[in-house]
Amino acid sequence: MAHQPPKDVQEAAQRAVRWIEEGRAGKGFTDVGRHRAHQLADGKDVSDADVKKMQGYFARHTVDKDAEGFTQGGDGFPSPGRVAWDAWGGDPGERWVKGIDVD
């Protein structure tokens, strides 16, 4: 099944694409993250398999929200972790994929 990313998810990914282009993603940023940012920013459909990957990403990386530079206005904003978080749809993306049952 295909899932259309909501507007707020697209906006978070569009922000990440801008940051990536500005060189703020850091050395560890992956091609997968780059692809996901463009996929979501462009509003392209997301497969069940991709939803599963997104759910896994958010489950593993929620701890990144406690790091320096994650929050707007904080030192080092946006941190590479924040760029990656938004590349996967940010907080709206996390909420969106939590509500999708792909099992």
C-alpha atoms as a PDB file:
ATOM      1  CA  MET A   1       0.000   0.000   0.000  1.00  0.00           C
ATOM      2  CA  ALA A   2       1.171   3.536  -0.731  1.00  0.00           C
ATOM      3  CA  HIS A   3       0.985   6.326   1.828  1.00  0.00           C
ATOM      4  CA  GLN A   4       0.912  10.010   0.883  1.00  0.00           C
ATOM      5  CA  PRO A   5       3.069  12.114   3.250  1.00  0.00           C
ATOM      6  CA  PRO A   6       1.043  14.880   4.913  1.00  0.00           C
ATOM      7  CA  LYS A   7       1.949  18.518   4.250  1.00  0.00           C
ATOM      8  CA  ASP A   8       3.710  19.021   7.622  1.00  0.00           C
ATOM      9  CA  VAL A   9       5.905  15.969   6.934  1.00  0.00           C
ATOM     10  CA  GLN A  10       6.780  17.377   3.501  1.00  0.00           C
ATOM     11  CA  GLU A  11       7.664  20.737   5.080  1.00  0.00           C
ATOM     12  CA  ALA A  12      10.020  19.147   7.637  1.00  0.00           C
ATOM     13  CA  ALA A  13      11.762  17.221   4.840  1.00  0.00           C
ATOM     14  CA  GLN A  14      11.993  20.361   2.680  1.00  0.00           C
ATOM     15  CA  ARG A  15      13.731  22.123   5.580  1.00  0.00           C
ATOM     16  CA  ALA A  16      16.153  19.174   5.837  1.00  0.00           C
ATOM     17  CA  VAL A  17      16.881  19.319   2.096  1.00  0.00           C
ATOM     18  CA  ARG A  18      17.824  23.017   2.470  1.00  0.00           C
ATOM     19  CA  TRP A  19      20.097  22.205   5.420  1.00  0.00           C
ATOM     20  CA  ILE A  20      21.693  19.306   3.505  1.00  0.00           C
ATOM     21  CA  GLU A  21      22.388  21.634   0.570  1.00  0.00           C
ATOM     22  CA  GLU A  22      23.958  24.118   3.029  1.00  0.00           C
ATOM     23  CA  GLY A  23      26.319  21.364   4.224  1.00  0.00           C
ATOM     24  CA  ARG A  24      24.812  21.056   7.703  1.00  0.00           C
ATOM     25  CA  ALA A  25      24.099  17.303   7.634  1.00  0.00           C
ATOM     26  CA  GLY A  26      27.514  16.217   8.937  1.00  0.00           C
ATOM     27  CA  LYS A  27      29.906  13.516   7.777  1.00  0.00           C
ATOM     28  CA  GLY A  28      27.805  10.586   8.960  1.00  0.00           C
ATOM     29  CA  PHE A  29      24.717  11.537   6.947  1.00  0.00           C
ATOM     30  CA  THR A  30      23.692   8.624   4.727  1.00  0.00           C
ATOM     31  CA  ASP A  31      22.480   8.317   1.155  1.00  0.00           C
ATOM     32  CA  VAL A  32      19.376   6.643   2.608  1.00  0.00           C
ATOM     33  CA  GLY A  33      18.654   9.762   4.663  1.00  0.00           C
ATOM     34  CA  ARG A  34      19.259  11.956   1.621  1.00  0.00           C
ATOM     35  CA  HIS A  35      16.871   9.827  -0.465  1.00  0.00           C
ATOM     36  CA  ARG A  36      14.203   9.849   2.273  1.00  0.00           C
ATOM     37  CA  ALA A  37      14.434  13.655   2.590  1.00  0.00           C
ATOM     38  CA  HIS A  38      13.851  14.127  -1.144  1.00  0.00           C
ATOM     39  CA  GLN A  39      11.108  11.479  -1.279  1.00  0.00           C
ATOM     40  CA  LEU A  40       9.155  13.139   1.540  1.00  0.00           C
ATOM     41  CA  ALA A  41       9.920  16.719   0.469  1.00  0.00           C
ATOM     42  CA  ASP A  42       8.564  15.960  -3.011  1.00  0.00           C
ATOM     43  CA  GLY A  43       5.407  14.392  -1.544  1.00  0.00           C
ATOM     44  CA  LYS A  44       6.111  11.032  -3.190  1.00  0.00           C
ATOM     45  CA  ASP A  45       4.178   8.007  -1.958  1.00  0.00           C
ATOM     46  CA  VAL A  46       5.801   5.958   0.800  1.00  0.00           C
ATOM     47  CA  SER A  47       5.519   2.151   0.671  1.00  0.00           C
ATOM     48  CA  ASP A  48       4.718  -0.080   3.645  1.00  0.00           C
ATOM     49  CA  ALA A  49       8.396  -1.135   3.672  1.00  0.00           C
ATOM     50  CA  ASP A  50       9.479   2.520   3.864  1.00  0.00           C
ATOM     51  CA  VAL A  51       6.965   3.197   6.651  1.00  0.00           C
ATOM     52  CA  LYS A  52       8.542   0.295   8.581  1.00  0.00           C
ATOM     53  CA  LYS A  53      12.001   1.815   8.034  1.00  0.00           C
ATOM     54  CA  MET A  54      10.717   5.191   9.228  1.00  0.00           C
ATOM     55  CA  GLN A  55       9.181   3.624  12.341  1.00  0.00           C
ATOM     56  CA  GLY A  56      12.510   1.950  13.086  1.00  0.00           C
ATOM     57  CA  TYR A  57      14.451   5.164  12.492  1.00  0.00           C
ATOM     58  CA  PHE A  58      12.296   7.152  14.926  1.00  0.00           C
ATOM     59  CA  ALA A  59      12.427   4.390  17.555  1.00  0.00           C
ATOM     60  CA  ARG A  60      16.256   4.358  17.405  1.00  0.00           C
ATOM     61  CA  HIS A  61      16.852   8.091  17.128  1.00  0.00           C
ATOM     62  CA  THR A  62      14.379   9.660  19.558  1.00  0.00           C
ATOM     63  CA  VAL A  63      17.335  10.012  21.966  1.00  0.00           C
ATOM     64  CA  ASP A  64      18.886  12.484  19.505  1.00  0.00           C
ATOM     65  CA  LYS A  65      16.256  15.012  20.565  1.00  0.00           C
ATOM     66  CA  ASP A  66      18.179  15.499  23.846  1.00  0.00           C
ATOM     67  CA  ALA A  67      21.435  16.471  22.088  1.00  0.00           C
ATOM     68  CA  GLU A  68      22.860  19.967  21.766  1.00  0.00           C
ATOM     69  CA  GLY A  69      21.733  21.772  18.628  1.00  0.00           C
ATOM     70  CA  PHE A  70      18.501  19.847  18.202  1.00  0.00           C
ATOM     71  CA  THR A  71      16.163  22.610  19.376  1.00  0.00           C
ATOM     72  CA  GLN A  72      15.700  25.842  17.459  1.00  0.00           C
ATOM     73  CA  GLY A  73      17.431  28.688  19.261  1.00  0.00           C
ATOM     74  CA  GLY A  74      19.928  26.343  20.935  1.00  0.00           C
ATOM     75  CA  ASP A  75      23.694  26.302  20.402  1.00  0.00           C
ATOM     76  CA  GLY A  76      24.712  24.535  17.214  1.00  0.00           C
ATOM     77  CA  PHE A  77      21.210  24.460  15.698  1.00  0.00           C
ATOM     78  CA  PRO A  78      20.617  22.604  13.475  1.00  0.00           C
ATOM     79  CA  SER A  79      22.792  19.732  14.619  1.00  0.00           C
ATOM     80  CA  PRO A  80      23.443  16.881  12.174  1.00  0.00           C
ATOM     81  CA  GLY A  81      21.013  14.821  14.275  1.00  0.00           C
ATOM     82  CA  ARG A  82      18.305  17.443  13.777  1.00  0.00           C
ATOM     83  CA  VAL A  83      18.972  17.551  10.034  1.00  0.00           C
ATOM     84  CA  ALA A  84      18.586  13.762   9.884  1.00  0.00           C
ATOM     85  CA  TRP A  85      15.447  13.829  12.078  1.00  0.00           C
ATOM     86  CA  ASP A  86      13.773  16.292   9.711  1.00  0.00           C
ATOM     87  CA  ALA A  87      15.028  14.317   6.688  1.00  0.00           C
ATOM     88  CA  TRP A  88      12.848  11.452   7.943  1.00  0.00           C
ATOM     89  CA  GLY A  89       9.866  13.802   8.388  1.00  0.00           C
ATOM     90  CA  GLY A  90      10.626  15.255  11.825  1.00  0.00           C
ATOM     91  CA  ASP A  91       8.080  15.189  14.647  1.00  0.00           C
ATOM     92  CA  PRO A  92       5.165  15.210  12.168  1.00  0.00           C
ATOM     93  CA  GLY A  93       6.710  12.197  10.420  1.00  0.00           C
ATOM     94  CA  GLU A  94       7.073  10.337  13.692  1.00  0.00           C
ATOM     95  CA  ARG A  95       3.405  10.973  14.542  1.00  0.00           C
ATOM     96  CA  TRP A  96       2.297  10.031  11.027  1.00  0.00           C
ATOM     97  CA  VAL A  97       4.044   6.643  10.792  1.00  0.00           C
ATOM     98  CA  LYS A  98       3.072   5.691  14.355  1.00  0.00           C
ATOM     99  CA  GLY A  99      -0.520   5.691  13.159  1.00  0.00           C
ATOM    100  CA  ILE A 100       0.123   3.314  10.244  1.00  0.00           C
ATOM    101  CA  ASP A 101      -0.135  -0.438  10.848  1.00  0.00           C
ATOM    102  CA  VAL A 102       2.161  -2.232   8.393  1.00  0.00           C
ATOM    103  CA  ASP A 103       2.343  -5.657  10.070  1.00  0.00           C
END
